[in-house]
Amino acid sequence: MDYLTGNRIQQNVKTGARGEFIFGRNELGGQRFHRWVDTLLETPDGALAKQFEAGLG
């Protein structure tokens, strides 16, 4: 089913009818990953070890 959905999305993107798409909004794993990356990027270098211990919280 994911392959079919991805294929349909690609077909629609090619039409140019929309300039922006949200794909995978309901995929919790992807959301958690991006929150974690954002958290790490915002954490000062000296506090990274403590952030890894604490996790996302």
PDB file of N, CA and C in Angstrom:
ATOM      1  N   MET A   1       0.819  -1.194   0.000  1.00  0.00           N
ATOM      2  CA  MET A   1       0.000   0.000   0.000  1.00  0.00           C
ATOM      3  C   MET A   1       0.867   1.265   0.000  1.00  0.00           C
ATOM      4  N   ASP A   2       1.988   1.241   0.719  1.00  0.00           N
ATOM      5  CA  ASP A   2       2.849   2.422   0.747  1.00  0.00           C
ATOM      6  C   ASP A   2       3.404   2.742  -0.636  1.00  0.00           C
ATOM      7  N   TYR A   3       3.746   1.699  -1.401  1.00  0.00           N
ATOM      8  CA  TYR A   3       4.278   1.923  -2.738  1.00  0.00           C
ATOM      9  C   TYR A   3       3.221   2.583  -3.615  1.00  0.00           C
ATOM     10  N   LEU A   4       1.996   2.103  -3.545  1.00  0.00           N
ATOM     11  CA  LEU A   4       0.904   2.666  -4.330  1.00  0.00           C
ATOM     12  C   LEU A   4       0.662   4.130  -3.950  1.00  0.00           C
ATOM     13  N   THR A   5       0.642   4.404  -2.655  1.00  0.00           N
ATOM     14  CA  THR A   5       0.432   5.781  -2.190  1.00  0.00           C
ATOM     15  C   THR A   5       1.566   6.684  -2.653  1.00  0.00           C
ATOM     16  N   GLY A   6       2.806   6.232  -2.514  1.00  0.00           N
ATOM     17  CA  GLY A   6       3.948   7.026  -2.962  1.00  0.00           C
ATOM     18  C   GLY A   6       3.894   7.305  -4.451  1.00  0.00           C
ATOM     19  N   ASN A   7       3.496   6.317  -5.221  1.00  0.00           N
ATOM     20  CA  ASN A   7       3.388   6.481  -6.666  1.00  0.00           C
ATOM     21  C   ASN A   7       2.321   7.527  -7.015  1.00  0.00           C
ATOM     22  N   ARG A   8       1.193   7.464  -6.349  1.00  0.00           N
ATOM     23  CA  ARG A   8       0.129   8.446  -6.594  1.00  0.00           C
ATOM     24  C   ARG A   8       0.573   9.856  -6.213  1.00  0.00           C
ATOM     25  N   ILE A   9       1.301   9.954  -5.124  1.00  0.00           N
ATOM     26  CA  ILE A   9       1.808  11.268  -4.706  1.00  0.00           C
ATOM     27  C   ILE A   9       2.745  11.819  -5.780  1.00  0.00           C
ATOM     28  N   GLN A  10       3.641  10.980  -6.286  1.00  0.00           N
ATOM     29  CA  GLN A  10       4.571  11.435  -7.316  1.00  0.00           C
ATOM     30  C   GLN A  10       3.834  11.892  -8.574  1.00  0.00           C
ATOM     31  N   GLN A  11       2.794  11.186  -8.947  1.00  0.00           N
ATOM     32  CA  GLN A  11       2.001  11.582 -10.113  1.00  0.00           C
ATOM     33  C   GLN A  11       1.361  12.945  -9.886  1.00  0.00           C
ATOM     34  N   ASN A  12       0.850  13.172  -8.678  1.00  0.00           N
ATOM     35  CA  ASN A  12       0.216  14.446  -8.373  1.00  0.00           C
ATOM     36  C   ASN A  12       1.223  15.592  -8.286  1.00  0.00           C
ATOM     37  N   VAL A  13       2.401  15.318  -7.768  1.00  0.00           N
ATOM     38  CA  VAL A  13       3.435  16.347  -7.677  1.00  0.00           C
ATOM     39  C   VAL A  13       3.790  16.854  -9.069  1.00  0.00           C
ATOM     40  N   LYS A  14       3.880  15.937 -10.008  1.00  0.00           N
ATOM     41  CA  LYS A  14       4.259  16.303 -11.375  1.00  0.00           C
ATOM     42  C   LYS A  14       3.260  17.252 -12.039  1.00  0.00           C
ATOM     43  N   THR A  15       2.014  17.294 -11.571  1.00  0.00           N
ATOM     44  CA  THR A  15       1.023  18.175 -12.193  1.00  0.00           C
ATOM     45  C   THR A  15       1.308  19.639 -11.885  1.00  0.00           C
ATOM     46  N   GLY A  16       2.003  19.903 -10.773  1.00  0.00           N
ATOM     47  CA  GLY A  16       2.293  21.285 -10.389  1.00  0.00           C
ATOM     48  C   GLY A  16       1.106  21.997  -9.764  1.00  0.00           C
ATOM     49  N   ALA A  17       0.024  21.281  -9.509  1.00  0.00           N
ATOM     50  CA  ALA A  17      -1.184  21.891  -8.944  1.00  0.00           C
ATOM     51  C   ALA A  17      -0.952  22.428  -7.532  1.00  0.00           C
ATOM     52  N   ARG A  18      -0.032  21.824  -6.812  1.00  0.00           N
ATOM     53  CA  ARG A  18       0.292  22.281  -5.457  1.00  0.00           C
ATOM     54  C   ARG A  18       1.785  22.511  -5.358  1.00  0.00           C
ATOM     55  N   GLY A  19       2.152  23.497  -4.580  1.00  0.00           N
ATOM     56  CA  GLY A  19       3.568  23.797  -4.419  1.00  0.00           C
ATOM     57  C   GLY A  19       4.181  23.174  -3.187  1.00  0.00           C
ATOM     58  N   GLU A  20       3.345  22.638  -2.292  1.00  0.00           N
ATOM     59  CA  GLU A  20       3.851  22.113  -1.024  1.00  0.00           C
ATOM     60  C   GLU A  20       3.027  20.902  -0.616  1.00  0.00           C
ATOM     61  N   PHE A  21       3.710  19.890  -0.059  1.00  0.00           N
ATOM     62  CA  PHE A  21       3.036  18.675   0.375  1.00  0.00           C
ATOM     63  C   PHE A  21       3.534  18.272   1.749  1.00  0.00           C
ATOM     64  N   ILE A  22       2.667  17.719   2.547  1.00  0.00           N
ATOM     65  CA  ILE A  22       3.059  17.111   3.812  1.00  0.00           C
ATOM     66  C   ILE A  22       2.892  15.614   3.627  1.00  0.00           C
ATOM     67  N   PHE A  23       3.990  14.896   3.735  1.00  0.00           N
ATOM     68  CA  PHE A  23       3.987  13.453   3.502  1.00  0.00           C
ATOM     69  C   PHE A  23       4.456  12.764   4.772  1.00  0.00           C
ATOM     70  N   GLY A  24       3.700  11.814   5.258  1.00  0.00           N
ATOM     71  CA  GLY A  24       4.080  11.068   6.450  1.00  0.00           C
ATOM     72  C   GLY A  24       3.715  11.757   7.745  1.00  0.00           C
ATOM     73  N   ARG A  25       2.751  12.638   7.726  1.00  0.00           N
ATOM     74  CA  ARG A  25       2.351  13.384   8.920  1.00  0.00           C
ATOM     75  C   ARG A  25       2.000  12.453  10.077  1.00  0.00           C
ATOM     76  N   ASN A  26       1.410  11.329   9.783  1.00  0.00           N
ATOM     77  CA  ASN A  26       0.960  10.421  10.835  1.00  0.00           C
ATOM     78  C   ASN A  26       1.993   9.356  11.188  1.00  0.00           C
ATOM     79  N   GLU A  27       3.186   9.493  10.680  1.00  0.00           N
ATOM     80  CA  GLU A  27       4.247   8.526  10.964  1.00  0.00           C
ATOM     81  C   GLU A  27       4.986   8.960  12.226  1.00  0.00           C
ATOM     82  N   LEU A  28       4.648   8.355  13.348  1.00  0.00           N
ATOM     83  CA  LEU A  28       5.203   8.765  14.638  1.00  0.00           C
ATOM     84  C   LEU A  28       6.726   8.639  14.688  1.00  0.00           C
ATOM     85  N   GLY A  29       7.266   7.580  14.100  1.00  0.00           N
ATOM     86  CA  GLY A  29       8.722   7.400  14.124  1.00  0.00           C
ATOM     87  C   GLY A  29       9.456   8.565  13.476  1.00  0.00           C
ATOM     88  N   GLY A  30       8.948   9.041  12.343  1.00  0.00           N
ATOM     89  CA  GLY A  30       9.556  10.182  11.666  1.00  0.00           C
ATOM     90  C   GLY A  30       9.457  11.456  12.482  1.00  0.00           C
ATOM     91  N   GLN A  31       8.323  11.658  13.135  1.00  0.00           N
ATOM     92  CA  GLN A  31       8.142  12.843  13.968  1.00  0.00           C
ATOM     93  C   GLN A  31       9.122  12.836  15.136  1.00  0.00           C
ATOM     94  N   ARG A  32       9.252  11.680  15.792  1.00  0.00           N
ATOM     95  CA  ARG A  32      10.185  11.585  16.926  1.00  0.00           C
ATOM     96  C   ARG A  32      11.632  11.818  16.469  1.00  0.00           C
ATOM     97  N   PHE A  33      11.981  11.255  15.331  1.00  0.00           N
ATOM     98  CA  PHE A  33      13.333  11.440  14.806  1.00  0.00           C
ATOM     99  C   PHE A  33      13.626  12.926  14.584  1.00  0.00           C
ATOM    100  N   HIS A  34      12.719  13.630  13.939  1.00  0.00           N
ATOM    101  CA  HIS A  34      12.956  15.048  13.645  1.00  0.00           C
ATOM    102  C   HIS A  34      12.965  15.898  14.919  1.00  0.00           C
ATOM    103  N   ARG A  35      12.136  15.548  15.891  1.00  0.00           N
ATOM    104  CA  ARG A  35      12.186  16.269  17.179  1.00  0.00           C
ATOM    105  C   ARG A  35      13.537  16.056  17.839  1.00  0.00           C
ATOM    106  N   TRP A  36      14.047  14.827  17.784  1.00  0.00           N
ATOM    107  CA  TRP A  36      15.336  14.519  18.393  1.00  0.00           C
ATOM    108  C   TRP A  36      16.457  15.278  17.687  1.00  0.00           C
ATOM    109  N   VAL A  37      16.443  15.310  16.369  1.00  0.00           N
ATOM    110  CA  VAL A  37      17.462  16.049  15.620  1.00  0.00           C
ATOM    111  C   VAL A  37      17.393  17.530  15.964  1.00  0.00           C
ATOM    112  N   ASP A  38      16.189  18.103  15.996  1.00  0.00           N
ATOM    113  CA  ASP A  38      16.038  19.515  16.360  1.00  0.00           C
ATOM    114  C   ASP A  38      16.574  19.777  17.759  1.00  0.00           C
ATOM    115  N   THR A  39      16.263  18.883  18.692  1.00  0.00           N
ATOM    116  CA  THR A  39      16.755  19.035  20.070  1.00  0.00           C
ATOM    117  C   THR A  39      18.274  19.020  20.105  1.00  0.00           C
ATOM    118  N   LEU A  40      18.890  18.087  19.401  1.00  0.00           N
ATOM    119  CA  LEU A  40      20.351  17.998  19.388  1.00  0.00           C
ATOM    120  C   LEU A  40      20.989  19.226  18.750  1.00  0.00           C
ATOM    121  N   LEU A  41      20.385  19.743  17.692  1.00  0.00           N
ATOM    122  CA  LEU A  41      20.938  20.930  17.037  1.00  0.00           C
ATOM    123  C   LEU A  41      20.847  22.163  17.923  1.00  0.00           C
ATOM    124  N   GLU A  42      19.840  22.211  18.775  1.00  0.00           N
ATOM    125  CA  GLU A  42      19.652  23.366  19.658  1.00  0.00           C
ATOM    126  C   GLU A  42      20.442  23.245  20.960  1.00  0.00           C
ATOM    127  N   THR A  43      20.976  22.066  21.249  1.00  0.00           N
ATOM    128  CA  THR A  43      21.705  21.836  22.495  1.00  0.00           C
ATOM    129  C   THR A  43      23.158  22.280  22.337  1.00  0.00           C
ATOM    130  N   PRO A  44      23.645  23.109  23.257  1.00  0.00           N
ATOM    131  CA  PRO A  44      25.063  23.500  23.191  1.00  0.00           C
ATOM    132  C   PRO A  44      25.972  22.271  23.297  1.00  0.00           C
ATOM    133  N   ASP A  45      27.121  22.326  22.651  1.00  0.00           N
ATOM    134  CA  ASP A  45      28.034  21.185  22.624  1.00  0.00           C
ATOM    135  C   ASP A  45      28.350  20.654  24.013  1.00  0.00           C
ATOM    136  N   GLY A  46      28.568  21.539  24.958  1.00  0.00           N
ATOM    137  CA  GLY A  46      28.931  21.127  26.315  1.00  0.00           C
ATOM    138  C   GLY A  46      27.816  20.401  27.049  1.00  0.00           C
ATOM    139  N   ALA A  47      26.595  20.494  26.568  1.00  0.00           N
ATOM    140  CA  ALA A  47      25.453  19.870  27.237  1.00  0.00           C
ATOM    141  C   ALA A  47      24.944  18.629  26.498  1.00  0.00           C
ATOM    142  N   LEU A  48      25.638  18.226  25.430  1.00  0.00           N
ATOM    143  CA  LEU A  48      25.159  17.090  24.638  1.00  0.00           C
ATOM    144  C   LEU A  48      25.120  15.786  25.428  1.00  0.00           C
ATOM    145  N   ALA A  49      26.153  15.504  26.222  1.00  0.00           N
ATOM    146  CA  ALA A  49      26.183  14.253  26.987  1.00  0.00           C
ATOM    147  C   ALA A  49      24.970  14.193  27.914  1.00  0.00           C
ATOM    148  N   LYS A  50      24.672  15.287  28.562  1.00  0.00           N
ATOM    149  CA  LYS A  50      23.525  15.319  29.476  1.00  0.00           C
ATOM    150  C   LYS A  50      22.226  15.156  28.703  1.00  0.00           C
ATOM    151  N   GLN A  51      22.156  15.737  27.514  1.00  0.00           N
ATOM    152  CA  GLN A  51      20.941  15.615  26.689  1.00  0.00           C
ATOM    153  C   GLN A  51      20.738  14.166  26.270  1.00  0.00           C
ATOM    154  N   PHE A  52      21.815  13.468  25.905  1.00  0.00           N
ATOM    155  CA  PHE A  52      21.690  12.058  25.530  1.00  0.00           C
ATOM    156  C   PHE A  52      21.204  11.220  26.710  1.00  0.00           C
ATOM    157  N   GLU A  53      21.656  11.550  27.898  1.00  0.00           N
ATOM    158  CA  GLU A  53      21.188  10.823  29.093  1.00  0.00           C
ATOM    159  C   GLU A  53      19.712  11.073  29.331  1.00  0.00           C
ATOM    160  N   ALA A  54      19.268  12.299  29.120  1.00  0.00           N
ATOM    161  CA  ALA A  54      17.885  12.681  29.409  1.00  0.00           C
ATOM    162  C   ALA A  54      16.923  12.222  28.307  1.00  0.00           C
ATOM    163  N   GLY A  55      17.413  12.093  27.089  1.00  0.00           N
ATOM    164  CA  GLY A  55      16.531  11.745  25.978  1.00  0.00           C
ATOM    165  C   GLY A  55      15.638  12.936  25.621  1.00  0.00           C
ATOM    166  N   LEU A  56      14.516  12.626  24.980  1.00  0.00           N
ATOM    167  CA  LEU A  56      13.595  13.695  24.581  1.00  0.00           C
ATOM    168  C   LEU A  56      12.765  14.215  25.736  1.00  0.00           C
ATOM    169  N   GLY A  57      12.552  13.374  26.716  1.00  0.00           N
ATOM    170  CA  GLY A  57      11.796  13.797  27.894  1.00  0.00           C
ATOM    171  C   GLY A  57      10.398  13.999  27.654  1.00  0.00           C
TER     172      GLY A  57
END
